Protein backbone atom coordinates (compact mmCIF):
# COMPACT_ATOMS: atom_id res chain seq x y z
CA UNK A 1 0.00 0.00 0.00
CA UNK A 2 2.76 2.46 0.96
CA UNK A 3 4.61 1.62 -2.30
CA UNK A 4 1.49 2.48 -4.31
CA UNK A 5 1.28 5.85 -2.60
CA UNK A 6 4.94 6.83 -2.58
CA UNK A 7 5.79 5.88 -6.17
CA UNK A 8 3.12 8.05 -7.87
CA UNK A 9 4.23 10.96 -5.67
CA UNK A 10 7.84 10.36 -6.69
CA UNK A 11 6.89 10.26 -10.36
CA UNK A 12 4.95 13.50 -9.99
CA UNK A 13 7.97 15.19 -8.38
CA UNK A 14 10.28 13.89 -11.12
CA UNK A 15 7.99 15.32 -13.79
CA UNK A 16 8.01 18.68 -12.03
CA UNK A 17 11.78 18.55 -11.66
CA UNK A 18 12.24 17.60 -15.32
CA UNK A 19 10.57 20.86 -16.35
CA UNK A 20 13.61 22.67 -14.97
CA UNK A 21 16.14 20.68 -17.02
CA UNK A 22 17.61 21.85 -20.32
CA UNK A 23 19.06 19.36 -22.81
CA UNK A 24 21.16 19.59 -25.94
CA UNK A 25 22.71 17.14 -28.39
CA UNK A 26 26.35 17.63 -29.40
CA UNK A 27 25.73 15.74 -32.65
CA UNK A 28 23.17 13.24 -33.93
CA UNK A 29 21.97 14.47 -37.33
CA UNK A 30 19.99 11.64 -38.90
CA UNK A 31 20.47 9.52 -35.75
CA UNK A 32 18.70 11.29 -32.88
CA UNK A 33 14.90 10.96 -32.66
CA UNK A 34 14.86 14.78 -32.74
CA UNK A 35 17.09 15.19 -35.82
CA UNK A 36 15.23 13.88 -38.86
CA UNK A 37 16.37 10.28 -38.70
CA UNK A 38 15.26 7.95 -41.49
CA UNK A 39 15.76 4.59 -39.77
CA UNK A 40 14.88 2.82 -36.56
CA UNK A 41 17.71 2.03 -34.16
CA UNK A 42 18.67 0.14 -31.01
CA UNK A 43 20.03 2.86 -28.71
CA UNK A 44 22.35 1.71 -25.94
CA UNK A 45 23.55 3.61 -22.89
CA UNK A 46 24.68 3.12 -19.30
CA UNK A 47 22.28 2.56 -16.42
CA UNK A 48 23.73 5.44 -14.40
CA UNK A 49 22.26 8.05 -16.80
CA UNK A 50 18.82 6.43 -17.04
CA UNK A 51 16.89 9.52 -15.95
CA UNK A 52 18.24 11.58 -18.87
CA UNK A 53 16.72 9.68 -21.82
CA UNK A 54 13.53 9.07 -19.83
CA UNK A 55 13.06 12.81 -19.37
CA UNK A 56 14.26 14.02 -22.78
CA UNK A 57 12.93 11.39 -25.19
CA UNK A 58 9.53 11.16 -23.54
CA UNK A 59 6.23 10.46 -25.33
CA UNK A 60 7.87 9.08 -28.49
CA UNK A 61 6.69 5.51 -28.06
CA UNK A 62 10.28 4.27 -27.75
CA UNK A 63 10.59 0.75 -26.36
CA UNK A 64 12.71 0.11 -23.28
CA UNK A 65 13.86 -3.25 -21.94
CA UNK A 66 13.41 -3.37 -18.15
CA UNK A 67 14.45 -6.15 -15.78
CA UNK A 68 12.01 -8.43 -13.94
CA UNK A 69 13.35 -7.30 -10.55
CA UNK A 70 11.60 -5.16 -7.94
CA UNK A 71 13.71 -2.20 -9.07
CA UNK A 72 12.56 -3.02 -12.59
CA UNK A 73 8.95 -2.64 -11.50
CA UNK A 74 9.73 0.87 -10.29
CA UNK A 75 11.57 1.68 -13.52
CA UNK A 76 8.65 0.31 -15.54
CA UNK A 77 6.11 2.57 -13.90
CA UNK A 78 8.37 5.61 -14.18
CA UNK A 79 9.18 5.00 -17.86
CA UNK A 80 5.55 4.29 -18.78
CA UNK A 81 4.49 7.55 -17.16
CA UNK A 82 6.92 9.32 -19.53
CA UNK A 83 5.45 7.61 -22.59
CA UNK A 84 7.83 4.69 -23.08
CA UNK A 85 6.67 1.23 -24.13
CA UNK A 86 8.07 -1.48 -21.83
CA UNK A 87 9.30 -5.01 -22.50
CA UNK A 88 10.26 -6.98 -19.40
CA UNK A 89 13.32 -9.24 -19.18
CA UNK A 90 17.08 -9.30 -18.52
CA UNK A 91 20.07 -11.59 -18.78
CA UNK A 92 19.07 -13.00 -15.36
CA UNK A 93 15.30 -13.47 -15.71
CA UNK A 94 12.99 -13.60 -18.71
CA UNK A 95 15.72 -13.00 -21.26
CA UNK A 96 14.19 -14.96 -24.15
CA UNK A 97 10.70 -13.57 -23.55
CA UNK A 98 12.03 -10.02 -23.37
CA UNK A 99 14.04 -10.31 -26.58
CA UNK A 100 11.15 -11.80 -28.53
CA UNK A 101 8.85 -9.04 -27.30
CA UNK A 102 11.43 -6.47 -28.40
CA UNK A 103 11.63 -8.13 -31.83
CA UNK A 104 7.86 -7.90 -32.20
CA UNK A 105 7.79 -4.25 -31.20
CA UNK A 106 10.68 -3.44 -33.56
CA UNK A 107 8.72 -5.02 -36.40
CA UNK A 108 5.89 -2.63 -35.53
CA UNK A 109 8.24 0.25 -36.36
CA UNK A 110 9.52 1.30 -32.94
CA UNK A 111 12.98 2.34 -31.77
CA UNK A 112 14.48 0.40 -28.85
CA UNK A 113 16.61 1.48 -25.91
CA UNK A 114 18.71 -0.78 -23.69
CA UNK A 115 20.86 0.18 -20.70
CA UNK A 116 23.60 -2.29 -21.42
CA UNK A 117 25.11 -2.69 -17.96
CA UNK A 118 21.87 -3.13 -16.02
CA UNK A 119 20.36 -4.44 -13.89
CA UNK A 120 23.37 -5.75 -11.92
CA UNK A 121 26.48 -4.70 -13.77
CA UNK A 122 29.36 -4.74 -14.03
CA UNK A 123 29.05 -1.00 -14.40
CA UNK A 124 29.99 0.58 -17.73
CA UNK A 125 29.97 -2.69 -19.62
CA UNK A 126 28.11 -3.87 -22.73
CA UNK A 127 26.29 -7.17 -22.47
CA UNK A 128 25.53 -9.52 -25.33
CA UNK A 129 21.81 -8.74 -25.37
CA UNK A 130 22.05 -5.72 -27.67
CA UNK A 131 24.16 -7.67 -30.18
CA UNK A 132 21.74 -10.58 -30.18
CA UNK A 133 18.78 -8.22 -30.58
CA UNK A 134 20.48 -6.52 -33.53
CA UNK A 135 20.86 -9.94 -35.15
CA UNK A 136 17.18 -10.69 -34.57
CA UNK A 137 15.81 -7.37 -35.82
CA UNK A 138 18.32 -6.15 -38.41
CA UNK A 139 18.46 -2.78 -36.63
CA UNK A 140 21.77 -0.98 -36.26
CA UNK A 141 23.08 -0.30 -32.74
CA UNK A 142 23.72 3.31 -31.75
CA UNK A 143 25.61 4.04 -28.51
CA UNK A 144 25.11 7.38 -26.81
CA UNK A 145 26.77 9.12 -23.91
CA UNK A 146 25.43 11.75 -21.57
CA UNK A 147 26.45 14.04 -18.72
CA UNK A 148 24.59 16.32 -16.31
CA UNK A 149 26.05 19.71 -15.55
CA UNK A 150 25.04 19.50 -11.89
CA UNK A 151 24.30 16.18 -10.25
CA UNK A 152 24.68 13.92 -7.27
CA UNK A 153 26.23 10.48 -7.75
CA UNK A 154 24.85 7.79 -5.47
CA UNK A 155 26.87 4.98 -3.88
CA UNK A 156 24.99 2.31 -5.86
CA UNK A 157 26.79 -0.27 -8.04
CA UNK A 158 26.60 2.07 -11.05
CA UNK A 159 27.02 5.36 -9.13
CA UNK A 160 23.59 6.41 -10.39
CA UNK A 161 23.34 10.08 -11.39
CA UNK A 162 20.62 12.26 -9.87
CA UNK A 163 20.38 15.71 -11.48
CA UNK A 164 19.92 18.85 -9.42
CA UNK A 165 17.14 21.31 -10.28
CA UNK A 166 17.82 23.47 -13.36
CA UNK A 167 20.65 21.21 -14.45
CA UNK A 168 21.82 21.19 -18.05
CA UNK A 169 22.53 17.93 -19.84
CA UNK A 170 24.26 16.95 -23.08
CA UNK A 171 23.98 13.87 -25.27
CA UNK A 172 26.50 12.60 -27.80
CA UNK A 173 25.81 9.81 -30.30
CA UNK A 174 28.17 7.27 -31.77
CA UNK A 175 28.18 5.86 -35.29
CA UNK A 176 25.46 3.26 -36.02
CA UNK A 177 26.92 -0.25 -35.97
CA UNK A 178 25.44 -2.89 -38.29
CA UNK A 179 25.28 -6.48 -37.01
CA UNK A 180 24.53 -9.14 -39.62
CA UNK A 181 22.25 -12.07 -38.70
CA UNK A 182 24.91 -14.66 -39.55
CA UNK A 183 27.89 -12.90 -37.97
CA UNK A 184 30.35 -15.34 -36.29
CA UNK A 185 30.63 -15.34 -32.49
CA UNK A 186 34.18 -13.97 -32.62
CA UNK A 187 33.03 -10.98 -34.67
CA UNK A 188 30.09 -10.43 -32.29
CA UNK A 189 32.52 -10.23 -29.39
CA UNK A 190 34.68 -7.73 -31.28
CA UNK A 191 31.61 -5.56 -31.92
CA UNK A 192 30.64 -5.79 -28.25
CA UNK A 193 34.10 -4.62 -27.19
CA UNK A 194 34.02 -1.81 -29.76
CA UNK A 195 30.67 -0.57 -28.47
CA UNK A 196 31.88 -0.73 -24.88
CA UNK A 197 34.91 1.39 -25.70
CA UNK A 198 32.85 3.86 -27.72
CA UNK A 199 30.41 4.31 -24.86
CA UNK A 200 33.31 5.17 -22.56
CA UNK A 201 34.59 7.72 -25.08
CA UNK A 202 31.16 9.28 -25.65
CA UNK A 203 30.50 9.66 -21.93
CA UNK A 204 33.96 11.12 -21.41
CA UNK A 205 33.30 13.65 -24.19
CA UNK A 206 30.07 14.68 -22.50
CA UNK A 207 31.83 15.05 -19.15
CA UNK A 208 34.49 17.18 -20.85
CA UNK A 209 31.75 19.50 -22.11
CA UNK A 210 31.32 20.55 -18.46
CA UNK A 211 35.04 20.78 -17.80
CA UNK A 212 35.34 17.45 -16.00
C-alpha atoms as a PDB file:
ATOM      1  CA  UNK A   1       0.000   0.000   0.000  1.00  0.00           C
ATOM      2  CA  UNK A   2       2.759   2.460   0.956  1.00  0.00           C
ATOM      3  CA  UNK A   3       4.607   1.625  -2.296  1.00  0.00           C
ATOM      4  CA  UNK A   4       1.490   2.478  -4.310  1.00  0.00           C
ATOM      5  CA  UNK A   5       1.285   5.847  -2.595  1.00  0.00           C
ATOM      6  CA  UNK A   6       4.942   6.828  -2.582  1.00  0.00           C
ATOM      7  CA  UNK A   7       5.791   5.875  -6.172  1.00  0.00           C
ATOM      8  CA  UNK A   8       3.122   8.052  -7.866  1.00  0.00           C
ATOM      9  CA  UNK A   9       4.226  10.957  -5.670  1.00  0.00           C
ATOM     10  CA  UNK A  10       7.841  10.365  -6.688  1.00  0.00           C
ATOM     11  CA  UNK A  11       6.895  10.258 -10.365  1.00  0.00           C
ATOM     12  CA  UNK A  12       4.951  13.501  -9.992  1.00  0.00           C
ATOM     13  CA  UNK A  13       7.967  15.191  -8.376  1.00  0.00           C
ATOM     14  CA  UNK A  14      10.282  13.886 -11.124  1.00  0.00           C
ATOM     15  CA  UNK A  15       7.992  15.321 -13.792  1.00  0.00           C
ATOM     16  CA  UNK A  16       8.008  18.680 -12.034  1.00  0.00           C
ATOM     17  CA  UNK A  17      11.785  18.551 -11.662  1.00  0.00           C
ATOM     18  CA  UNK A  18      12.238  17.598 -15.322  1.00  0.00           C
ATOM     19  CA  UNK A  19      10.567  20.856 -16.351  1.00  0.00           C
ATOM     20  CA  UNK A  20      13.610  22.672 -14.972  1.00  0.00           C
ATOM     21  CA  UNK A  21      16.139  20.684 -17.016  1.00  0.00           C
ATOM     22  CA  UNK A  22      17.607  21.847 -20.322  1.00  0.00           C
ATOM     23  CA  UNK A  23      19.057  19.364 -22.806  1.00  0.00           C
ATOM     24  CA  UNK A  24      21.158  19.587 -25.937  1.00  0.00           C
ATOM     25  CA  UNK A  25      22.710  17.144 -28.391  1.00  0.00           C
ATOM     26  CA  UNK A  26      26.350  17.634 -29.399  1.00  0.00           C
ATOM     27  CA  UNK A  27      25.731  15.744 -32.650  1.00  0.00           C
ATOM     28  CA  UNK A  28      23.166  13.243 -33.931  1.00  0.00           C
ATOM     29  CA  UNK A  29      21.974  14.473 -37.334  1.00  0.00           C
ATOM     30  CA  UNK A  30      19.994  11.639 -38.896  1.00  0.00           C
ATOM     31  CA  UNK A  31      20.473   9.519 -35.753  1.00  0.00           C
ATOM     32  CA  UNK A  32      18.701  11.288 -32.880  1.00  0.00           C
ATOM     33  CA  UNK A  33      14.904  10.964 -32.662  1.00  0.00           C
ATOM     34  CA  UNK A  34      14.864  14.780 -32.741  1.00  0.00           C
ATOM     35  CA  UNK A  35      17.087  15.186 -35.821  1.00  0.00           C
ATOM     36  CA  UNK A  36      15.234  13.881 -38.861  1.00  0.00           C
ATOM     37  CA  UNK A  37      16.373  10.284 -38.701  1.00  0.00           C
ATOM     38  CA  UNK A  38      15.264   7.951 -41.487  1.00  0.00           C
ATOM     39  CA  UNK A  39      15.758   4.593 -39.770  1.00  0.00           C
ATOM     40  CA  UNK A  40      14.884   2.816 -36.561  1.00  0.00           C
ATOM     41  CA  UNK A  41      17.712   2.027 -34.155  1.00  0.00           C
ATOM     42  CA  UNK A  42      18.668   0.145 -31.014  1.00  0.00           C
ATOM     43  CA  UNK A  43      20.030   2.862 -28.714  1.00  0.00           C
ATOM     44  CA  UNK A  44      22.353   1.705 -25.942  1.00  0.00           C
ATOM     45  CA  UNK A  45      23.551   3.608 -22.886  1.00  0.00           C
ATOM     46  CA  UNK A  46      24.679   3.122 -19.301  1.00  0.00           C
ATOM     47  CA  UNK A  47      22.276   2.556 -16.421  1.00  0.00           C
ATOM     48  CA  UNK A  48      23.729   5.444 -14.403  1.00  0.00           C
ATOM     49  CA  UNK A  49      22.262   8.053 -16.799  1.00  0.00           C
ATOM     50  CA  UNK A  50      18.819   6.425 -17.037  1.00  0.00           C
ATOM     51  CA  UNK A  51      16.886   9.522 -15.954  1.00  0.00           C
ATOM     52  CA  UNK A  52      18.239  11.582 -18.869  1.00  0.00           C
ATOM     53  CA  UNK A  53      16.717   9.683 -21.820  1.00  0.00           C
ATOM     54  CA  UNK A  54      13.531   9.067 -19.831  1.00  0.00           C
ATOM     55  CA  UNK A  55      13.057  12.811 -19.371  1.00  0.00           C
ATOM     56  CA  UNK A  56      14.260  14.017 -22.782  1.00  0.00           C
ATOM     57  CA  UNK A  57      12.925  11.387 -25.191  1.00  0.00           C
ATOM     58  CA  UNK A  58       9.525  11.164 -23.541  1.00  0.00           C
ATOM     59  CA  UNK A  59       6.234  10.456 -25.327  1.00  0.00           C
ATOM     60  CA  UNK A  60       7.866   9.083 -28.491  1.00  0.00           C
ATOM     61  CA  UNK A  61       6.686   5.511 -28.063  1.00  0.00           C
ATOM     62  CA  UNK A  62      10.277   4.268 -27.754  1.00  0.00           C
ATOM     63  CA  UNK A  63      10.591   0.751 -26.356  1.00  0.00           C
ATOM     64  CA  UNK A  64      12.714   0.111 -23.283  1.00  0.00           C
ATOM     65  CA  UNK A  65      13.857  -3.255 -21.938  1.00  0.00           C
ATOM     66  CA  UNK A  66      13.411  -3.370 -18.154  1.00  0.00           C
ATOM     67  CA  UNK A  67      14.453  -6.151 -15.785  1.00  0.00           C
ATOM     68  CA  UNK A  68      12.010  -8.432 -13.945  1.00  0.00           C
ATOM     69  CA  UNK A  69      13.354  -7.304 -10.554  1.00  0.00           C
ATOM     70  CA  UNK A  70      11.603  -5.159  -7.942  1.00  0.00           C
ATOM     71  CA  UNK A  71      13.715  -2.200  -9.074  1.00  0.00           C
ATOM     72  CA  UNK A  72      12.564  -3.019 -12.592  1.00  0.00           C
ATOM     73  CA  UNK A  73       8.951  -2.642 -11.498  1.00  0.00           C
ATOM     74  CA  UNK A  74       9.726   0.868 -10.288  1.00  0.00           C
ATOM     75  CA  UNK A  75      11.569   1.677 -13.522  1.00  0.00           C
ATOM     76  CA  UNK A  76       8.649   0.313 -15.544  1.00  0.00           C
ATOM     77  CA  UNK A  77       6.107   2.573 -13.901  1.00  0.00           C
ATOM     78  CA  UNK A  78       8.367   5.613 -14.185  1.00  0.00           C
ATOM     79  CA  UNK A  79       9.180   5.004 -17.861  1.00  0.00           C
ATOM     80  CA  UNK A  80       5.551   4.292 -18.780  1.00  0.00           C
ATOM     81  CA  UNK A  81       4.492   7.548 -17.164  1.00  0.00           C
ATOM     82  CA  UNK A  82       6.916   9.322 -19.534  1.00  0.00           C
ATOM     83  CA  UNK A  83       5.448   7.611 -22.593  1.00  0.00           C
ATOM     84  CA  UNK A  84       7.826   4.688 -23.075  1.00  0.00           C
ATOM     85  CA  UNK A  85       6.665   1.229 -24.125  1.00  0.00           C
ATOM     86  CA  UNK A  86       8.072  -1.476 -21.826  1.00  0.00           C
ATOM     87  CA  UNK A  87       9.296  -5.008 -22.503  1.00  0.00           C
ATOM     88  CA  UNK A  88      10.259  -6.982 -19.397  1.00  0.00           C
ATOM     89  CA  UNK A  89      13.315  -9.239 -19.177  1.00  0.00           C
ATOM     90  CA  UNK A  90      17.075  -9.296 -18.522  1.00  0.00           C
ATOM     91  CA  UNK A  91      20.066 -11.594 -18.775  1.00  0.00           C
ATOM     92  CA  UNK A  92      19.068 -13.005 -15.362  1.00  0.00           C
ATOM     93  CA  UNK A  93      15.301 -13.471 -15.711  1.00  0.00           C
ATOM     94  CA  UNK A  94      12.986 -13.603 -18.708  1.00  0.00           C
ATOM     95  CA  UNK A  95      15.723 -12.996 -21.264  1.00  0.00           C
ATOM     96  CA  UNK A  96      14.187 -14.963 -24.153  1.00  0.00           C
ATOM     97  CA  UNK A  97      10.699 -13.566 -23.550  1.00  0.00           C
ATOM     98  CA  UNK A  98      12.028 -10.016 -23.375  1.00  0.00           C
ATOM     99  CA  UNK A  99      14.040 -10.314 -26.577  1.00  0.00           C
ATOM    100  CA  UNK A 100      11.149 -11.801 -28.531  1.00  0.00           C
ATOM    101  CA  UNK A 101       8.852  -9.044 -27.303  1.00  0.00           C
ATOM    102  CA  UNK A 102      11.429  -6.467 -28.404  1.00  0.00           C
ATOM    103  CA  UNK A 103      11.634  -8.126 -31.827  1.00  0.00           C
ATOM    104  CA  UNK A 104       7.859  -7.905 -32.204  1.00  0.00           C
ATOM    105  CA  UNK A 105       7.787  -4.247 -31.200  1.00  0.00           C
ATOM    106  CA  UNK A 106      10.682  -3.443 -33.561  1.00  0.00           C
ATOM    107  CA  UNK A 107       8.721  -5.024 -36.400  1.00  0.00           C
ATOM    108  CA  UNK A 108       5.894  -2.631 -35.534  1.00  0.00           C
ATOM    109  CA  UNK A 109       8.239   0.253 -36.359  1.00  0.00           C
ATOM    110  CA  UNK A 110       9.523   1.305 -32.941  1.00  0.00           C
ATOM    111  CA  UNK A 111      12.984   2.337 -31.769  1.00  0.00           C
ATOM    112  CA  UNK A 112      14.484   0.401 -28.854  1.00  0.00           C
ATOM    113  CA  UNK A 113      16.612   1.481 -25.908  1.00  0.00           C
ATOM    114  CA  UNK A 114      18.711  -0.776 -23.692  1.00  0.00           C
ATOM    115  CA  UNK A 115      20.861   0.179 -20.704  1.00  0.00           C
ATOM    116  CA  UNK A 116      23.596  -2.288 -21.425  1.00  0.00           C
ATOM    117  CA  UNK A 117      25.110  -2.690 -17.960  1.00  0.00           C
ATOM    118  CA  UNK A 118      21.867  -3.134 -16.015  1.00  0.00           C
ATOM    119  CA  UNK A 119      20.356  -4.440 -13.890  1.00  0.00           C
ATOM    120  CA  UNK A 120      23.368  -5.751 -11.921  1.00  0.00           C
ATOM    121  CA  UNK A 121      26.481  -4.697 -13.767  1.00  0.00           C
ATOM    122  CA  UNK A 122      29.356  -4.744 -14.031  1.00  0.00           C
ATOM    123  CA  UNK A 123      29.051  -1.004 -14.405  1.00  0.00           C
ATOM    124  CA  UNK A 124      29.986   0.576 -17.729  1.00  0.00           C
ATOM    125  CA  UNK A 125      29.974  -2.692 -19.620  1.00  0.00           C
ATOM    126  CA  UNK A 126      28.112  -3.869 -22.729  1.00  0.00           C
ATOM    127  CA  UNK A 127      26.286  -7.172 -22.470  1.00  0.00           C
ATOM    128  CA  UNK A 128      25.527  -9.517 -25.331  1.00  0.00           C
ATOM    129  CA  UNK A 129      21.809  -8.735 -25.368  1.00  0.00           C
ATOM    130  CA  UNK A 130      22.053  -5.716 -27.666  1.00  0.00           C
ATOM    131  CA  UNK A 131      24.164  -7.667 -30.175  1.00  0.00           C
ATOM    132  CA  UNK A 132      21.742 -10.575 -30.179  1.00  0.00           C
ATOM    133  CA  UNK A 133      18.777  -8.220 -30.580  1.00  0.00           C
ATOM    134  CA  UNK A 134      20.478  -6.518 -33.532  1.00  0.00           C
ATOM    135  CA  UNK A 135      20.863  -9.940 -35.155  1.00  0.00           C
ATOM    136  CA  UNK A 136      17.178 -10.686 -34.572  1.00  0.00           C
ATOM    137  CA  UNK A 137      15.814  -7.370 -35.815  1.00  0.00           C
ATOM    138  CA  UNK A 138      18.320  -6.151 -38.406  1.00  0.00           C
ATOM    139  CA  UNK A 139      18.459  -2.780 -36.635  1.00  0.00           C
ATOM    140  CA  UNK A 140      21.766  -0.978 -36.256  1.00  0.00           C
ATOM    141  CA  UNK A 141      23.078  -0.305 -32.742  1.00  0.00           C
ATOM    142  CA  UNK A 142      23.716   3.313 -31.750  1.00  0.00           C
ATOM    143  CA  UNK A 143      25.611   4.045 -28.514  1.00  0.00           C
ATOM    144  CA  UNK A 144      25.114   7.384 -26.809  1.00  0.00           C
ATOM    145  CA  UNK A 145      26.773   9.118 -23.908  1.00  0.00           C
ATOM    146  CA  UNK A 146      25.432  11.754 -21.567  1.00  0.00           C
ATOM    147  CA  UNK A 147      26.453  14.038 -18.717  1.00  0.00           C
ATOM    148  CA  UNK A 148      24.592  16.319 -16.312  1.00  0.00           C
ATOM    149  CA  UNK A 149      26.055  19.711 -15.553  1.00  0.00           C
ATOM    150  CA  UNK A 150      25.040  19.504 -11.890  1.00  0.00           C
ATOM    151  CA  UNK A 151      24.299  16.176 -10.252  1.00  0.00           C
ATOM    152  CA  UNK A 152      24.676  13.921  -7.267  1.00  0.00           C
ATOM    153  CA  UNK A 153      26.233  10.478  -7.746  1.00  0.00           C
ATOM    154  CA  UNK A 154      24.848   7.791  -5.468  1.00  0.00           C
ATOM    155  CA  UNK A 155      26.872   4.985  -3.881  1.00  0.00           C
ATOM    156  CA  UNK A 156      24.991   2.309  -5.863  1.00  0.00           C
ATOM    157  CA  UNK A 157      26.791  -0.272  -8.038  1.00  0.00           C
ATOM    158  CA  UNK A 158      26.601   2.072 -11.054  1.00  0.00           C
ATOM    159  CA  UNK A 159      27.015   5.358  -9.126  1.00  0.00           C
ATOM    160  CA  UNK A 160      23.591   6.405 -10.385  1.00  0.00           C
ATOM    161  CA  UNK A 161      23.335  10.076 -11.392  1.00  0.00           C
ATOM    162  CA  UNK A 162      20.625  12.262  -9.873  1.00  0.00           C
ATOM    163  CA  UNK A 163      20.383  15.710 -11.477  1.00  0.00           C
ATOM    164  CA  UNK A 164      19.917  18.846  -9.416  1.00  0.00           C
ATOM    165  CA  UNK A 165      17.143  21.309 -10.282  1.00  0.00           C
ATOM    166  CA  UNK A 166      17.818  23.471 -13.364  1.00  0.00           C
ATOM    167  CA  UNK A 167      20.648  21.209 -14.447  1.00  0.00           C
ATOM    168  CA  UNK A 168      21.821  21.190 -18.054  1.00  0.00           C
ATOM    169  CA  UNK A 169      22.527  17.930 -19.841  1.00  0.00           C
ATOM    170  CA  UNK A 170      24.260  16.952 -23.078  1.00  0.00           C
ATOM    171  CA  UNK A 171      23.982  13.867 -25.268  1.00  0.00           C
ATOM    172  CA  UNK A 172      26.499  12.602 -27.798  1.00  0.00           C
ATOM    173  CA  UNK A 173      25.811   9.810 -30.296  1.00  0.00           C
ATOM    174  CA  UNK A 174      28.175   7.270 -31.772  1.00  0.00           C
ATOM    175  CA  UNK A 175      28.184   5.855 -35.285  1.00  0.00           C
ATOM    176  CA  UNK A 176      25.455   3.262 -36.023  1.00  0.00           C
ATOM    177  CA  UNK A 177      26.917  -0.253 -35.972  1.00  0.00           C
ATOM    178  CA  UNK A 178      25.445  -2.887 -38.288  1.00  0.00           C
ATOM    179  CA  UNK A 179      25.278  -6.479 -37.013  1.00  0.00           C
ATOM    180  CA  UNK A 180      24.529  -9.138 -39.616  1.00  0.00           C
ATOM    181  CA  UNK A 181      22.251 -12.074 -38.702  1.00  0.00           C
ATOM    182  CA  UNK A 182      24.914 -14.657 -39.553  1.00  0.00           C
ATOM    183  CA  UNK A 183      27.891 -12.904 -37.975  1.00  0.00           C
ATOM    184  CA  UNK A 184      30.347 -15.335 -36.285  1.00  0.00           C
ATOM    185  CA  UNK A 185      30.628 -15.339 -32.487  1.00  0.00           C
ATOM    186  CA  UNK A 186      34.180 -13.966 -32.618  1.00  0.00           C
ATOM    187  CA  UNK A 187      33.028 -10.977 -34.674  1.00  0.00           C
ATOM    188  CA  UNK A 188      30.088 -10.432 -32.294  1.00  0.00           C
ATOM    189  CA  UNK A 189      32.523 -10.227 -29.391  1.00  0.00           C
ATOM    190  CA  UNK A 190      34.676  -7.728 -31.281  1.00  0.00           C
ATOM    191  CA  UNK A 191      31.610  -5.562 -31.917  1.00  0.00           C
ATOM    192  CA  UNK A 192      30.644  -5.787 -28.250  1.00  0.00           C
ATOM    193  CA  UNK A 193      34.100  -4.617 -27.187  1.00  0.00           C
ATOM    194  CA  UNK A 194      34.022  -1.814 -29.760  1.00  0.00           C
ATOM    195  CA  UNK A 195      30.668  -0.571 -28.472  1.00  0.00           C
ATOM    196  CA  UNK A 196      31.876  -0.728 -24.881  1.00  0.00           C
ATOM    197  CA  UNK A 197      34.908   1.393 -25.696  1.00  0.00           C
ATOM    198  CA  UNK A 198      32.853   3.856 -27.724  1.00  0.00           C
ATOM    199  CA  UNK A 199      30.407   4.306 -24.855  1.00  0.00           C
ATOM    200  CA  UNK A 200      33.309   5.168 -22.562  1.00  0.00           C
ATOM    201  CA  UNK A 201      34.587   7.715 -25.076  1.00  0.00           C
ATOM    202  CA  UNK A 202      31.156   9.281 -25.648  1.00  0.00           C
ATOM    203  CA  UNK A 203      30.496   9.663 -21.929  1.00  0.00           C
ATOM    204  CA  UNK A 204      33.965  11.124 -21.409  1.00  0.00           C
ATOM    205  CA  UNK A 205      33.305  13.653 -24.187  1.00  0.00           C
ATOM    206  CA  UNK A 206      30.066  14.681 -22.503  1.00  0.00           C
ATOM    207  CA  UNK A 207      31.830  15.053 -19.155  1.00  0.00           C
ATOM    208  CA  UNK A 208      34.493  17.180 -20.849  1.00  0.00           C
ATOM    209  CA  UNK A 209      31.747  19.498 -22.110  1.00  0.00           C
ATOM    210  CA  UNK A 210      31.316  20.553 -18.464  1.00  0.00           C
ATOM    211  CA  UNK A 211      35.036  20.778 -17.804  1.00  0.00           C
ATOM    212  CA  UNK A 212      35.339  17.448 -16.000  1.00  0.00           C
END
